[in-house]
């Protein structure tokens, strides 16, 4: 009897221990489940679902962001907004322009260099800016930061003055600049951009010294000219063409090989004897390096279709945009060719070691 009672007590003790372990296990499992639930918050679940949707070919499934590194109202901004309006028809999602201006485009492109390459943040690029600036300045971006998709146009550089300026011709300006070195102020939309390079080219051929005034964007430089804060502006033909039509400015010369159809009465620098003064700003759109190939292909297709839209072309021409459509492979070639030219120019002007 003693042995049987001892066994019963032992058996009951074992059962109690097993029950206790089971209860603890249930508690622990509940805590683990709670932790898992905490980890899977709604934002992360949505992001994971979006990623899976993108991978299944449902891209884009939300609005895209387009960084424009210059001020609102300037040529790059105006043309980017026209493009964004029409490309929405092809993408099925809005392309929202965000102006991040400053330092001749560097602020916006520095920001672009840090974005996730998920295909939802793009940037308008400007040549020669994104090629030249990293060669001579400390930027967070290089040529390799940009995955070019499409080039929509080019914009010749001009010298312009107010309508009431005493300078009727480029020769008038150069003659006065030689007599008053460093006193004549000339505005531009930043450093090592098309506007800056034209000033350097003219300086190289004539030896004149201007008081160069960099602004955050072309519209800021134009406003400074109209306000009488500077004497001359080195700017985009598209911007100056509009102001000339309004009777506010006079274009002295254009940095093209031949006279331009928008301004057939304006002489080229070349025909005035400034042989090497050829400069323009080219514009397009790029994704960040590392963007998945299938997203690049989707964007390239949508951009190409937009470029063929007659209504898009008409609006761009009304805005003074000189269209130059280059597909992806052609843009890569343009990058390589322009970088070599710029390196030679910078060495010639003493801006590279």
C-alpha atoms as a PDB file:
ATOM      1  CA  UNK A   1       0.000   0.000   0.000  1.00  0.00           C
ATOM      2  CA  UNK A   2       2.823   2.335   0.887  1.00  0.00           C
ATOM      3  CA  UNK A   3       4.433   1.855  -2.466  1.00  0.00           C
ATOM      4  CA  UNK A   4       1.190   2.452  -4.327  1.00  0.00           C
ATOM      5  CA  UNK A   5       0.461   5.676  -2.421  1.00  0.00           C
ATOM      6  CA  UNK A   6       4.028   6.890  -3.149  1.00  0.00           C
ATOM      7  CA  UNK A   7       3.560   6.184  -6.816  1.00  0.00           C
ATOM      8  CA  UNK A   8       0.271   8.115  -6.891  1.00  0.00           C
ATOM      9  CA  UNK A   9       1.864  11.164  -5.305  1.00  0.00           C
ATOM     10  CA  UNK A  10       4.740  10.979  -7.784  1.00  0.00           C
ATOM     11  CA  UNK A  11       2.340  10.615 -10.693  1.00  0.00           C
ATOM     12  CA  UNK A  12       0.319  13.637  -9.579  1.00  0.00           C
ATOM     13  CA  UNK A  13       3.525  15.674  -9.186  1.00  0.00           C
ATOM     14  CA  UNK A  14       4.592  14.831 -12.741  1.00  0.00           C
ATOM     15  CA  UNK A  15       1.187  15.808 -14.110  1.00  0.00           C
ATOM     16  CA  UNK A  16       1.368  19.162 -12.303  1.00  0.00           C
ATOM     17  CA  UNK A  17       4.817  19.853 -13.729  1.00  0.00           C
ATOM     18  CA  UNK A  18       3.701  18.989 -17.255  1.00  0.00           C
ATOM     19  CA  UNK A  19       0.682  21.229 -16.899  1.00  0.00           C
ATOM     20  CA  UNK A  20       2.856  24.089 -15.671  1.00  0.00           C
ATOM     21  CA  UNK A  21       5.255  23.712 -18.594  1.00  0.00           C
ATOM     22  CA  UNK A  22       2.334  23.708 -21.004  1.00  0.00           C
ATOM     23  CA  UNK A  23       0.940  26.926 -19.547  1.00  0.00           C
ATOM     24  CA  UNK A  24       4.342  28.617 -19.733  1.00  0.00           C
ATOM     25  CA  UNK A  25       4.710  27.473 -23.332  1.00  0.00           C
ATOM     26  CA  UNK A  26       1.358  28.930 -24.253  1.00  0.00           C
ATOM     27  CA  UNK A  27       2.363  32.236 -22.627  1.00  0.00           C
ATOM     28  CA  UNK A  28       5.677  32.313 -24.482  1.00  0.00           C
ATOM     29  CA  UNK A  29       3.995  31.461 -27.771  1.00  0.00           C
ATOM     30  CA  UNK A  30       1.575  34.322 -27.208  1.00  0.00           C
ATOM     31  CA  UNK A  31       4.458  36.704 -26.566  1.00  0.00           C
ATOM     32  CA  UNK A  32       6.218  35.574 -29.750  1.00  0.00           C
ATOM     33  CA  UNK A  33       3.006  36.012 -31.681  1.00  0.00           C
ATOM     34  CA  UNK A  34       2.591  39.462 -30.201  1.00  0.00           C
ATOM     35  CA  UNK A  35       6.149  40.365 -31.213  1.00  0.00           C
ATOM     36  CA  UNK A  36       5.519  39.129 -34.749  1.00  0.00           C
ATOM     37  CA  UNK A  37       2.366  41.200 -34.926  1.00  0.00           C
ATOM     38  CA  UNK A  38       4.319  44.249 -33.790  1.00  0.00           C
ATOM     39  CA  UNK A  39       6.919  43.700 -36.530  1.00  0.00           C
ATOM     40  CA  UNK A  40       4.321  43.522 -39.301  1.00  0.00           C
ATOM     41  CA  UNK A  41       3.014  47.089 -39.084  1.00  0.00           C
ATOM     42  CA  UNK A  42       0.672  48.434 -41.795  1.00  0.00           C
ATOM     43  CA  UNK A  43       3.322  50.600 -43.507  1.00  0.00           C
ATOM     44  CA  UNK A  44       5.727  47.670 -43.894  1.00  0.00           C
ATOM     45  CA  UNK A  45       2.949  45.375 -45.077  1.00  0.00           C
ATOM     46  CA  UNK A  46       1.976  47.958 -47.703  1.00  0.00           C
ATOM     47  CA  UNK A  47       5.578  48.376 -48.829  1.00  0.00           C
ATOM     48  CA  UNK A  48       6.044  44.606 -49.122  1.00  0.00           C
ATOM     49  CA  UNK A  49       2.813  44.303 -51.085  1.00  0.00           C
ATOM     50  CA  UNK A  50       3.912  47.143 -53.390  1.00  0.00           C
ATOM     51  CA  UNK A  51       7.250  45.431 -54.007  1.00  0.00           C
ATOM     52  CA  UNK A  52       5.541  42.161 -54.897  1.00  0.00           C
ATOM     53  CA  UNK A  53       3.136  44.053 -57.152  1.00  0.00           C
ATOM     54  CA  UNK A  54       6.036  45.817 -58.918  1.00  0.00           C
ATOM     55  CA  UNK A  55       7.785  42.501 -59.446  1.00  0.00           C
ATOM     56  CA  UNK A  56       4.599  41.085 -60.974  1.00  0.00           C
ATOM     57  CA  UNK A  57       4.662  43.842 -63.588  1.00  0.00           C
ATOM     58  CA  UNK A  58       2.176  46.234 -61.992  1.00  0.00           C
ATOM     59  CA  UNK A  59       4.560  49.213 -62.133  1.00  0.00           C
ATOM     60  CA  UNK A  60       3.976  52.020 -61.454  1.00  0.00           C
ATOM     61  CA  UNK A  61       1.181  51.603 -58.931  1.00  0.00           C
ATOM     62  CA  UNK A  62       1.501  55.015 -57.245  1.00  0.00           C
ATOM     63  CA  UNK A  63       2.593  58.556 -58.241  1.00  0.00           C
ATOM     64  CA  UNK A  64       6.210  59.158 -59.276  1.00  0.00           C
ATOM     65  CA  UNK A  65       8.406  62.057 -58.161  1.00  0.00           C
ATOM     66  CA  UNK A  66      10.512  64.122 -60.588  1.00  0.00           C
ATOM     67  CA  UNK A  67      13.258  66.235 -59.028  1.00  0.00           C
ATOM     68  CA  UNK A  68      13.936  69.442 -60.957  1.00  0.00           C
ATOM     69  CA  UNK A  69      17.099  71.064 -59.651  1.00  0.00           C
ATOM     70  CA  UNK A  70      16.199  74.572 -60.782  1.00  0.00           C
ATOM     71  CA  UNK A  71      13.682  77.222 -59.834  1.00  0.00           C
ATOM     72  CA  UNK A  72      10.026  77.194 -60.800  1.00  0.00           C
ATOM     73  CA  UNK A  73       9.262  79.064 -64.005  1.00  0.00           C
ATOM     74  CA  UNK A  74      12.688  78.540 -65.600  1.00  0.00           C
ATOM     75  CA  UNK A  75      13.076  76.550 -68.824  1.00  0.00           C
ATOM     76  CA  UNK A  76      13.878  73.181 -67.225  1.00  0.00           C
ATOM     77  CA  UNK A  77      10.917  73.466 -64.858  1.00  0.00           C
ATOM     78  CA  UNK A  78       8.478  74.663 -67.539  1.00  0.00           C
ATOM     79  CA  UNK A  79       9.424  71.916 -69.969  1.00  0.00           C
ATOM     80  CA  UNK A  80       9.474  69.205 -67.282  1.00  0.00           C
ATOM     81  CA  UNK A  81       5.935  70.131 -66.227  1.00  0.00           C
ATOM     82  CA  UNK A  82       4.664  69.921 -69.801  1.00  0.00           C
ATOM     83  CA  UNK A  83       6.285  66.509 -70.138  1.00  0.00           C
ATOM     84  CA  UNK A  84       4.840  65.349 -66.796  1.00  0.00           C
ATOM     85  CA  UNK A  85       1.348  66.351 -67.905  1.00  0.00           C
ATOM     86  CA  UNK A  86       1.482  64.209 -71.046  1.00  0.00           C
ATOM     87  CA  UNK A  87       3.443  61.203 -69.733  1.00  0.00           C
ATOM     88  CA  UNK A  88       0.729  60.534 -67.136  1.00  0.00           C
ATOM     89  CA  UNK A  89      -1.433  59.272 -69.993  1.00  0.00           C
ATOM     90  CA  UNK A  90       1.184  56.619 -70.776  1.00  0.00           C
ATOM     91  CA  UNK A  91       2.188  55.662 -67.214  1.00  0.00           C
ATOM     92  CA  UNK A  92      -1.265  55.710 -65.672  1.00  0.00           C
ATOM     93  CA  UNK A  93       0.175  57.562 -62.678  1.00  0.00           C
ATOM     94  CA  UNK A  94       1.080  61.232 -62.072  1.00  0.00           C
ATOM     95  CA  UNK A  95       4.676  62.391 -62.417  1.00  0.00           C
ATOM     96  CA  UNK A  96       4.896  65.051 -59.703  1.00  0.00           C
ATOM     97  CA  UNK A  97       7.526  67.781 -60.210  1.00  0.00           C
ATOM     98  CA  UNK A  98       9.453  68.854 -57.112  1.00  0.00           C
ATOM     99  CA  UNK A  99      11.787  71.861 -57.337  1.00  0.00           C
ATOM    100  CA  UNK A 100      14.937  71.472 -55.222  1.00  0.00           C
ATOM    101  CA  UNK A 101      17.048  74.406 -56.337  1.00  0.00           C
ATOM    102  CA  UNK A 102      20.406  75.792 -55.314  1.00  0.00           C
ATOM    103  CA  UNK A 103      24.118  75.837 -56.165  1.00  0.00           C
ATOM    104  CA  UNK A 104      23.589  75.565 -59.898  1.00  0.00           C
ATOM    105  CA  UNK A 105      21.595  72.344 -59.574  1.00  0.00           C
ATOM    106  CA  UNK A 106      23.830  70.637 -57.031  1.00  0.00           C
ATOM    107  CA  UNK A 107      21.336  70.676 -54.148  1.00  0.00           C
ATOM    108  CA  UNK A 108      18.715  68.753 -56.110  1.00  0.00           C
ATOM    109  CA  UNK A 109      21.130  66.280 -57.653  1.00  0.00           C
ATOM    110  CA  UNK A 110      22.837  65.659 -54.301  1.00  0.00           C
ATOM    111  CA  UNK A 111      19.403  64.733 -52.962  1.00  0.00           C
ATOM    112  CA  UNK A 112      18.787  62.506 -55.978  1.00  0.00           C
ATOM    113  CA  UNK A 113      22.031  60.614 -55.309  1.00  0.00           C
ATOM    114  CA  UNK A 114      20.583  59.410 -51.974  1.00  0.00           C
ATOM    115  CA  UNK A 115      17.172  58.120 -53.116  1.00  0.00           C
ATOM    116  CA  UNK A 116      16.174  54.475 -53.213  1.00  0.00           C
ATOM    117  CA  UNK A 117      16.412  53.081 -56.773  1.00  0.00           C
ATOM    118  CA  UNK A 118      12.837  51.801 -56.783  1.00  0.00           C
ATOM    119  CA  UNK A 119      11.705  53.627 -59.912  1.00  0.00           C
ATOM    120  CA  UNK A 120       9.513  56.100 -58.050  1.00  0.00           C
ATOM    121  CA  UNK A 121      11.986  59.003 -57.861  1.00  0.00           C
ATOM    122  CA  UNK A 122      13.462  60.365 -61.089  1.00  0.00           C
ATOM    123  CA  UNK A 123      15.436  63.503 -61.897  1.00  0.00           C
ATOM    124  CA  UNK A 124      15.588  65.944 -64.765  1.00  0.00           C
ATOM    125  CA  UNK A 125      19.230  66.086 -65.837  1.00  0.00           C
ATOM    126  CA  UNK A 126      20.979  69.004 -67.496  1.00  0.00           C
ATOM    127  CA  UNK A 127      24.082  68.744 -69.634  1.00  0.00           C
ATOM    128  CA  UNK A 128      26.824  69.886 -69.303  1.00  0.00           C
ATOM    129  CA  UNK A 129      26.013  70.479 -65.634  1.00  0.00           C
ATOM    130  CA  UNK A 130      25.938  66.907 -64.263  1.00  0.00           C
ATOM    131  CA  UNK A 131      29.114  66.026 -66.157  1.00  0.00           C
ATOM    132  CA  UNK A 132      31.212  69.118 -65.444  1.00  0.00           C
ATOM    133  CA  UNK A 133      30.365  69.867 -61.823  1.00  0.00           C
ATOM    134  CA  UNK A 134      31.692  66.557 -60.406  1.00  0.00           C
ATOM    135  CA  UNK A 135      34.944  67.090 -62.314  1.00  0.00           C
ATOM    136  CA  UNK A 136      35.793  70.332 -60.510  1.00  0.00           C
ATOM    137  CA  UNK A 137      33.613  70.467 -57.395  1.00  0.00           C
ATOM    138  CA  UNK A 138      32.800  68.249 -54.428  1.00  0.00           C
ATOM    139  CA  UNK A 139      29.409  66.782 -55.275  1.00  0.00           C
ATOM    140  CA  UNK A 140      27.629  63.706 -53.954  1.00  0.00           C
ATOM    141  CA  UNK A 141      26.797  62.690 -57.512  1.00  0.00           C
ATOM    142  CA  UNK A 142      28.847  61.688 -60.523  1.00  0.00           C
ATOM    143  CA  UNK A 143      27.922  60.770 -64.059  1.00  0.00           C
ATOM    144  CA  UNK A 144      27.387  57.200 -62.816  1.00  0.00           C
ATOM    145  CA  UNK A 145      24.657  58.334 -60.393  1.00  0.00           C
ATOM    146  CA  UNK A 146      22.324  58.828 -63.359  1.00  0.00           C
ATOM    147  CA  UNK A 147      20.645  56.063 -65.340  1.00  0.00           C
ATOM    148  CA  UNK A 148      19.572  58.143 -68.352  1.00  0.00           C
ATOM    149  CA  UNK A 149      16.305  57.142 -69.969  1.00  0.00           C
ATOM    150  CA  UNK A 150      15.469  59.880 -72.427  1.00  0.00           C
ATOM    151  CA  UNK A 151      16.657  63.300 -73.674  1.00  0.00           C
ATOM    152  CA  UNK A 152      13.829  65.671 -74.577  1.00  0.00           C
ATOM    153  CA  UNK A 153      15.649  68.735 -75.913  1.00  0.00           C
ATOM    154  CA  UNK A 154      18.522  71.147 -76.179  1.00  0.00           C
ATOM    155  CA  UNK A 155      18.596  74.858 -75.424  1.00  0.00           C
ATOM    156  CA  UNK A 156      21.256  77.122 -76.978  1.00  0.00           C
ATOM    157  CA  UNK A 157      22.935  79.682 -74.727  1.00  0.00           C
ATOM    158  CA  UNK A 158      22.660  83.418 -75.431  1.00  0.00           C
ATOM    159  CA  UNK A 159      23.860  86.753 -74.102  1.00  0.00           C
ATOM    160  CA  UNK A 160      20.957  89.131 -73.453  1.00  0.00           C
ATOM    161  CA  UNK A 161      20.446  92.631 -72.039  1.00  0.00           C
ATOM    162  CA  UNK A 162      17.470  94.753 -71.058  1.00  0.00           C
ATOM    163  CA  UNK A 163      15.673  96.532 -73.875  1.00  0.00           C
ATOM    164  CA  UNK A 164      16.946  99.884 -72.578  1.00  0.00           C
ATOM    165  CA  UNK A 165      20.581  98.727 -72.313  1.00  0.00           C
ATOM    166  CA  UNK A 166      23.275 100.817 -74.050  1.00  0.00           C
ATOM    167  CA  UNK A 167      24.692  97.593 -75.543  1.00  0.00           C
ATOM    168  CA  UNK A 168      23.273  97.098 -79.032  1.00  0.00           C
ATOM    169  CA  UNK A 169      25.735  94.367 -80.030  1.00  0.00           C
ATOM    170  CA  UNK A 170      28.181  91.892 -78.491  1.00  0.00           C
ATOM    171  CA  UNK A 171      31.021  94.072 -79.784  1.00  0.00           C
ATOM    172  CA  UNK A 172      29.631  97.016 -77.786  1.00  0.00           C
ATOM    173  CA  UNK A 173      29.668  94.835 -74.673  1.00  0.00           C
ATOM    174  CA  UNK A 174      33.181  93.489 -75.223  1.00  0.00           C
ATOM    175  CA  UNK A 175      34.603  96.938 -75.981  1.00  0.00           C
ATOM    176  CA  UNK A 176      33.178  98.352 -72.747  1.00  0.00           C
ATOM    177  CA  UNK A 177      34.319  95.308 -70.759  1.00  0.00           C
ATOM    178  CA  UNK A 178      37.887  95.832 -71.978  1.00  0.00           C
ATOM    179  CA  UNK A 179      37.795  99.454 -70.837  1.00  0.00           C
ATOM    180  CA  UNK A 180      36.248  98.577 -67.471  1.00  0.00           C
ATOM    181  CA  UNK A 181      37.600  95.117 -66.546  1.00  0.00           C
ATOM    182  CA  UNK A 182      35.591  93.340 -63.847  1.00  0.00           C
ATOM    183  CA  UNK A 183      32.948  96.079 -63.622  1.00  0.00           C
ATOM    184  CA  UNK A 184      30.279  94.756 -65.987  1.00  0.00           C
ATOM    185  CA  UNK A 185      28.087  92.220 -64.164  1.00  0.00           C
ATOM    186  CA  UNK A 186      26.838  89.119 -65.941  1.00  0.00           C
ATOM    187  CA  UNK A 187      24.349  86.681 -64.414  1.00  0.00           C
ATOM    188  CA  UNK A 188      24.136  82.921 -64.849  1.00  0.00           C
ATOM    189  CA  UNK A 189      22.245  80.039 -63.244  1.00  0.00           C
ATOM    190  CA  UNK A 190      25.187  78.567 -61.335  1.00  0.00           C
ATOM    191  CA  UNK A 191      28.714  77.285 -61.859  1.00  0.00           C
ATOM    192  CA  UNK A 192      30.009  74.925 -64.547  1.00  0.00           C
ATOM    193  CA  UNK A 193      26.790  74.922 -66.539  1.00  0.00           C
ATOM    194  CA  UNK A 194      26.174  75.959 -70.148  1.00  0.00           C
ATOM    195  CA  UNK A 195      25.779  79.625 -69.166  1.00  0.00           C
ATOM    196  CA  UNK A 196      29.098  79.589 -67.305  1.00  0.00           C
ATOM    197  CA  UNK A 197      30.939  77.805 -70.111  1.00  0.00           C
ATOM    198  CA  UNK A 198      29.829  80.397 -72.679  1.00  0.00           C
ATOM    199  CA  UNK A 199      31.248  83.175 -70.489  1.00  0.00           C
ATOM    200  CA  UNK A 200      34.516  81.234 -70.233  1.00  0.00           C
ATOM    201  CA  UNK A 201      34.609  80.725 -74.004  1.00  0.00           C
ATOM    202  CA  UNK A 202      34.128  84.456 -74.665  1.00  0.00           C
ATOM    203  CA  UNK A 203      36.710  85.317 -72.028  1.00  0.00           C
ATOM    204  CA  UNK A 204      39.158  82.855 -73.592  1.00  0.00           C
ATOM    205  CA  UNK A 205      38.792  84.487 -77.024  1.00  0.00           C
ATOM    206  CA  UNK A 206      38.771  88.137 -75.890  1.00  0.00           C
ATOM    207  CA  UNK A 207      40.533  88.231 -72.530  1.00  0.00           C
ATOM    208  CA  UNK A 208      37.722  90.287 -70.975  1.00  0.00           C
ATOM    209  CA  UNK A 209      36.912  90.015 -67.273  1.00  0.00           C
ATOM    210  CA  UNK A 210      33.262  90.133 -66.211  1.00  0.00           C
ATOM    211  CA  UNK A 211      31.859  90.348 -62.707  1.00  0.00           C
ATOM    212  CA  UNK A 212      30.158  86.951 -62.774  1.00  0.00           C
ATOM    213  CA  UNK A 213      27.026  86.583 -60.634  1.00  0.00           C
ATOM    214  CA  UNK A 214      25.749  83.002 -60.085  1.00  0.00           C
ATOM    215  CA  UNK A 215      22.077  82.509 -59.205  1.00  0.00           C
ATOM    216  CA  UNK A 216      20.042  79.512 -58.054  1.00  0.00           C
ATOM    217  CA  UNK A 217      18.246  79.234 -61.374  1.00  0.00           C
ATOM    218  CA  UNK A 218      17.699  80.824 -64.767  1.00  0.00           C
ATOM    219  CA  UNK A 219      14.503  82.566 -63.669  1.00  0.00           C
ATOM    220  CA  UNK A 220      16.401  84.182 -60.775  1.00  0.00           C
ATOM    221  CA  UNK A 221      19.115  85.417 -63.145  1.00  0.00           C
ATOM    222  CA  UNK A 222      16.489  86.740 -65.569  1.00  0.00           C
ATOM    223  CA  UNK A 223      14.692  88.536 -62.726  1.00  0.00           C
ATOM    224  CA  UNK A 224      17.986  90.144 -61.705  1.00  0.00           C
ATOM    225  CA  UNK A 225      18.465  91.409 -65.260  1.00  0.00           C
ATOM    226  CA  UNK A 226      14.939  92.787 -65.502  1.00  0.00           C
ATOM    227  CA  UNK A 227      15.341  94.426 -62.100  1.00  0.00           C
ATOM    228  CA  UNK A 228      18.498  96.202 -63.186  1.00  0.00           C
ATOM    229  CA  UNK A 229      20.716  94.348 -60.715  1.00  0.00           C
ATOM    230  CA  UNK A 230      23.031  93.009 -63.438  1.00  0.00           C
ATOM    231  CA  UNK A 231      24.075  94.334 -66.841  1.00  0.00           C
ATOM    232  CA  UNK A 232      23.941  91.147 -68.916  1.00  0.00           C
ATOM    233  CA  UNK A 233      22.678  87.603 -68.565  1.00  0.00           C
ATOM    234  CA  UNK A 234      24.123  84.444 -70.042  1.00  0.00           C
ATOM    235  CA  UNK A 235      21.011  82.326 -70.319  1.00  0.00           C
ATOM    236  CA  UNK A 236      18.798  79.894 -72.201  1.00  0.00           C
ATOM    237  CA  UNK A 237      17.373  80.821 -75.573  1.00  0.00           C
ATOM    238  CA  UNK A 238      13.961  79.489 -74.473  1.00  0.00           C
ATOM    239  CA  UNK A 239      13.819  81.856 -71.482  1.00  0.00           C
ATOM    240  CA  UNK A 240      15.135  84.873 -73.390  1.00  0.00           C
ATOM    241  CA  UNK A 241      12.925  84.185 -76.410  1.00  0.00           C
ATOM    242  CA  UNK A 242       9.811  84.564 -74.260  1.00  0.00           C
ATOM    243  CA  UNK A 243      11.104  87.746 -72.631  1.00  0.00           C
ATOM    244  CA  UNK A 244      12.029  89.213 -76.005  1.00  0.00           C
ATOM    245  CA  UNK A 245       8.530  88.554 -77.315  1.00  0.00           C
ATOM    246  CA  UNK A 246       7.231  90.533 -74.338  1.00  0.00           C
ATOM    247  CA  UNK A 247       9.508  93.435 -75.339  1.00  0.00           C
ATOM    248  CA  UNK A 248      11.571  93.259 -72.137  1.00  0.00           C
ATOM    249  CA  UNK A 249      15.018  92.193 -73.353  1.00  0.00           C
ATOM    250  CA  UNK A 250      17.308  92.210 -76.364  1.00  0.00           C
ATOM    251  CA  UNK A 251      19.304  89.120 -77.378  1.00  0.00           C
ATOM    252  CA  UNK A 252      22.807  90.072 -78.498  1.00  0.00           C
ATOM    253  CA  UNK A 253      24.038  86.743 -79.886  1.00  0.00           C
ATOM    254  CA  UNK A 254      23.405  83.002 -79.778  1.00  0.00           C
ATOM    255  CA  UNK A 255      26.001  80.254 -79.263  1.00  0.00           C
ATOM    256  CA  UNK A 256      25.054  77.990 -82.184  1.00  0.00           C
ATOM    257  CA  UNK A 257      26.743  76.988 -85.407  1.00  0.00           C
ATOM    258  CA  UNK A 258      24.032  78.665 -87.500  1.00  0.00           C
ATOM    259  CA  UNK A 259      21.256  81.161 -86.842  1.00  0.00           C
ATOM    260  CA  UNK A 260      18.330  79.693 -84.980  1.00  0.00           C
ATOM    261  CA  UNK A 261      14.809  79.451 -86.402  1.00  0.00           C
ATOM    262  CA  UNK A 262      13.303  80.931 -83.218  1.00  0.00           C
ATOM    263  CA  UNK A 263      15.427  84.090 -83.610  1.00  0.00           C
ATOM    264  CA  UNK A 264      16.560  84.331 -87.245  1.00  0.00           C
ATOM    265  CA  UNK A 265      17.561  87.998 -86.846  1.00  0.00           C
ATOM    266  CA  UNK A 266      19.958  87.280 -83.962  1.00  0.00           C
ATOM    267  CA  UNK A 267      23.574  86.661 -85.074  1.00  0.00           C
ATOM    268  CA  UNK A 268      25.636  83.773 -83.818  1.00  0.00           C
ATOM    269  CA  UNK A 269      28.798  84.360 -81.801  1.00  0.00           C
ATOM    270  CA  UNK A 270      30.625  82.428 -84.498  1.00  0.00           C
ATOM    271  CA  UNK A 271      29.617  84.758 -87.340  1.00  0.00           C
ATOM    272  CA  UNK A 272      30.691  87.705 -85.178  1.00  0.00           C
ATOM    273  CA  UNK A 273      34.178  86.255 -84.974  1.00  0.00           C
ATOM    274  CA  UNK A 274      33.980  84.264 -81.729  1.00  0.00           C
ATOM    275  CA  UNK A 275      34.693  80.942 -83.376  1.00  0.00           C
ATOM    276  CA  UNK A 276      34.659  78.667 -80.327  1.00  0.00           C
ATOM    277  CA  UNK A 277      31.577  80.120 -78.608  1.00  0.00           C
ATOM    278  CA  UNK A 278      29.247  77.150 -79.138  1.00  0.00           C
ATOM    279  CA  UNK A 279      27.220  76.077 -76.098  1.00  0.00           C
ATOM    280  CA  UNK A 280      23.815  74.702 -75.092  1.00  0.00           C
ATOM    281  CA  UNK A 281      21.951  72.983 -72.275  1.00  0.00           C
ATOM    282  CA  UNK A 282      20.569  69.525 -73.041  1.00  0.00           C
ATOM    283  CA  UNK A 283      17.734  68.171 -70.893  1.00  0.00           C
ATOM    284  CA  UNK A 284      16.338  64.751 -70.136  1.00  0.00           C
ATOM    285  CA  UNK A 285      15.175  62.381 -67.408  1.00  0.00           C
ATOM    286  CA  UNK A 286      17.145  59.769 -65.483  1.00  0.00           C
ATOM    287  CA  UNK A 287      16.481  57.141 -62.834  1.00  0.00           C
ATOM    288  CA  UNK A 288      18.992  56.467 -60.060  1.00  0.00           C
ATOM    289  CA  UNK A 289      21.640  53.850 -60.733  1.00  0.00           C
ATOM    290  CA  UNK A 290      20.426  50.411 -59.658  1.00  0.00           C
ATOM    291  CA  UNK A 291      16.811  50.845 -60.752  1.00  0.00           C
ATOM    292  CA  UNK A 292      15.486  47.435 -61.932  1.00  0.00           C
ATOM    293  CA  UNK A 293      15.683  46.853 -65.675  1.00  0.00           C
ATOM    294  CA  UNK A 294      11.973  46.122 -66.141  1.00  0.00           C
ATOM    295  CA  UNK A 295      11.122  49.526 -64.632  1.00  0.00           C
ATOM    296  CA  UNK A 296      13.650  51.312 -66.843  1.00  0.00           C
ATOM    297  CA  UNK A 297      12.104  49.613 -69.868  1.00  0.00           C
ATOM    298  CA  UNK A 298       8.594  50.621 -68.816  1.00  0.00           C
ATOM    299  CA  UNK A 299       9.669  54.249 -68.377  1.00  0.00           C
ATOM    300  CA  UNK A 300      11.578  54.312 -71.653  1.00  0.00           C
ATOM    301  CA  UNK A 301       8.541  53.030 -73.545  1.00  0.00           C
ATOM    302  CA  UNK A 302       6.238  55.572 -71.903  1.00  0.00           C
ATOM    303  CA  UNK A 303       8.662  58.444 -72.545  1.00  0.00           C
ATOM    304  CA  UNK A 304       9.081  57.486 -76.189  1.00  0.00           C
ATOM    305  CA  UNK A 305       5.324  57.384 -76.739  1.00  0.00           C
ATOM    306  CA  UNK A 306       4.944  60.776 -75.068  1.00  0.00           C
ATOM    307  CA  UNK A 307       7.593  62.262 -77.348  1.00  0.00           C
ATOM    308  CA  UNK A 308       5.517  61.253 -80.384  1.00  0.00           C
ATOM    309  CA  UNK A 309       2.368  62.976 -79.117  1.00  0.00           C
ATOM    310  CA  UNK A 310       1.574  65.932 -81.451  1.00  0.00           C
ATOM    311  CA  UNK A 311      -0.114  67.897 -78.649  1.00  0.00           C
ATOM    312  CA  UNK A 312       2.979  67.492 -76.466  1.00  0.00           C
ATOM    313  CA  UNK A 313       5.236  68.717 -79.269  1.00  0.00           C
ATOM    314  CA  UNK A 314       2.984  71.706 -79.891  1.00  0.00           C
ATOM    315  CA  UNK A 315       2.983  72.777 -76.235  1.00  0.00           C
ATOM    316  CA  UNK A 316       6.757  72.412 -75.984  1.00  0.00           C
ATOM    317  CA  UNK A 317       7.293  74.525 -79.088  1.00  0.00           C
ATOM    318  CA  UNK A 318       4.922  77.188 -77.727  1.00  0.00           C
ATOM    319  CA  UNK A 319       7.097  77.266 -74.588  1.00  0.00           C
ATOM    320  CA  UNK A 320      10.172  77.928 -76.718  1.00  0.00           C
ATOM    321  CA  UNK A 321      11.576  74.428 -76.235  1.00  0.00           C
ATOM    322  CA  UNK A 322      13.955  73.218 -78.910  1.00  0.00           C
ATOM    323  CA  UNK A 323      13.183  69.494 -79.066  1.00  0.00           C
ATOM    324  CA  UNK A 324      15.930  66.920 -79.470  1.00  0.00           C
ATOM    325  CA  UNK A 325      14.707  63.407 -78.727  1.00  0.00           C
ATOM    326  CA  UNK A 326      17.426  60.905 -77.895  1.00  0.00           C
ATOM    327  CA  UNK A 327      16.679  57.354 -76.836  1.00  0.00           C
ATOM    328  CA  UNK A 328      18.526  55.619 -74.014  1.00  0.00           C
ATOM    329  CA  UNK A 329      21.483  54.284 -76.009  1.00  0.00           C
ATOM    330  CA  UNK A 330      21.946  57.638 -77.736  1.00  0.00           C
ATOM    331  CA  UNK A 331      21.973  59.460 -74.381  1.00  0.00           C
ATOM    332  CA  UNK A 332      24.753  57.200 -73.096  1.00  0.00           C
ATOM    333  CA  UNK A 333      26.796  58.070 -76.195  1.00  0.00           C
ATOM    334  CA  UNK A 334      26.052  61.786 -75.654  1.00  0.00           C
ATOM    335  CA  UNK A 335      27.272  61.541 -72.044  1.00  0.00           C
ATOM    336  CA  UNK A 336      30.593  60.071 -73.161  1.00  0.00           C
ATOM    337  CA  UNK A 337      31.163  62.564 -75.980  1.00  0.00           C
ATOM    338  CA  UNK A 338      30.218  65.634 -73.931  1.00  0.00           C
ATOM    339  CA  UNK A 339      32.362  64.594 -70.954  1.00  0.00           C
ATOM    340  CA  UNK A 340      35.456  64.375 -73.157  1.00  0.00           C
ATOM    341  CA  UNK A 341      34.752  67.833 -74.629  1.00  0.00           C
ATOM    342  CA  UNK A 342      34.186  69.314 -71.177  1.00  0.00           C
ATOM    343  CA  UNK A 343      37.386  67.851 -69.744  1.00  0.00           C
ATOM    344  CA  UNK A 344      39.328  69.453 -72.596  1.00  0.00           C
ATOM    345  CA  UNK A 345      37.592  72.813 -72.037  1.00  0.00           C
ATOM    346  CA  UNK A 346      38.201  72.743 -68.284  1.00  0.00           C
ATOM    347  CA  UNK A 347      41.876  71.962 -68.798  1.00  0.00           C
ATOM    348  CA  UNK A 348      42.170  74.722 -71.376  1.00  0.00           C
ATOM    349  CA  UNK A 349      40.549  77.235 -69.000  1.00  0.00           C
ATOM    350  CA  UNK A 350      42.795  76.124 -66.147  1.00  0.00           C
ATOM    351  CA  UNK A 351      40.013  74.625 -64.031  1.00  0.00           C
ATOM    352  CA  UNK A 352      41.485  71.103 -64.002  1.00  0.00           C
ATOM    353  CA  UNK A 353      44.939  70.090 -62.804  1.00  0.00           C
END
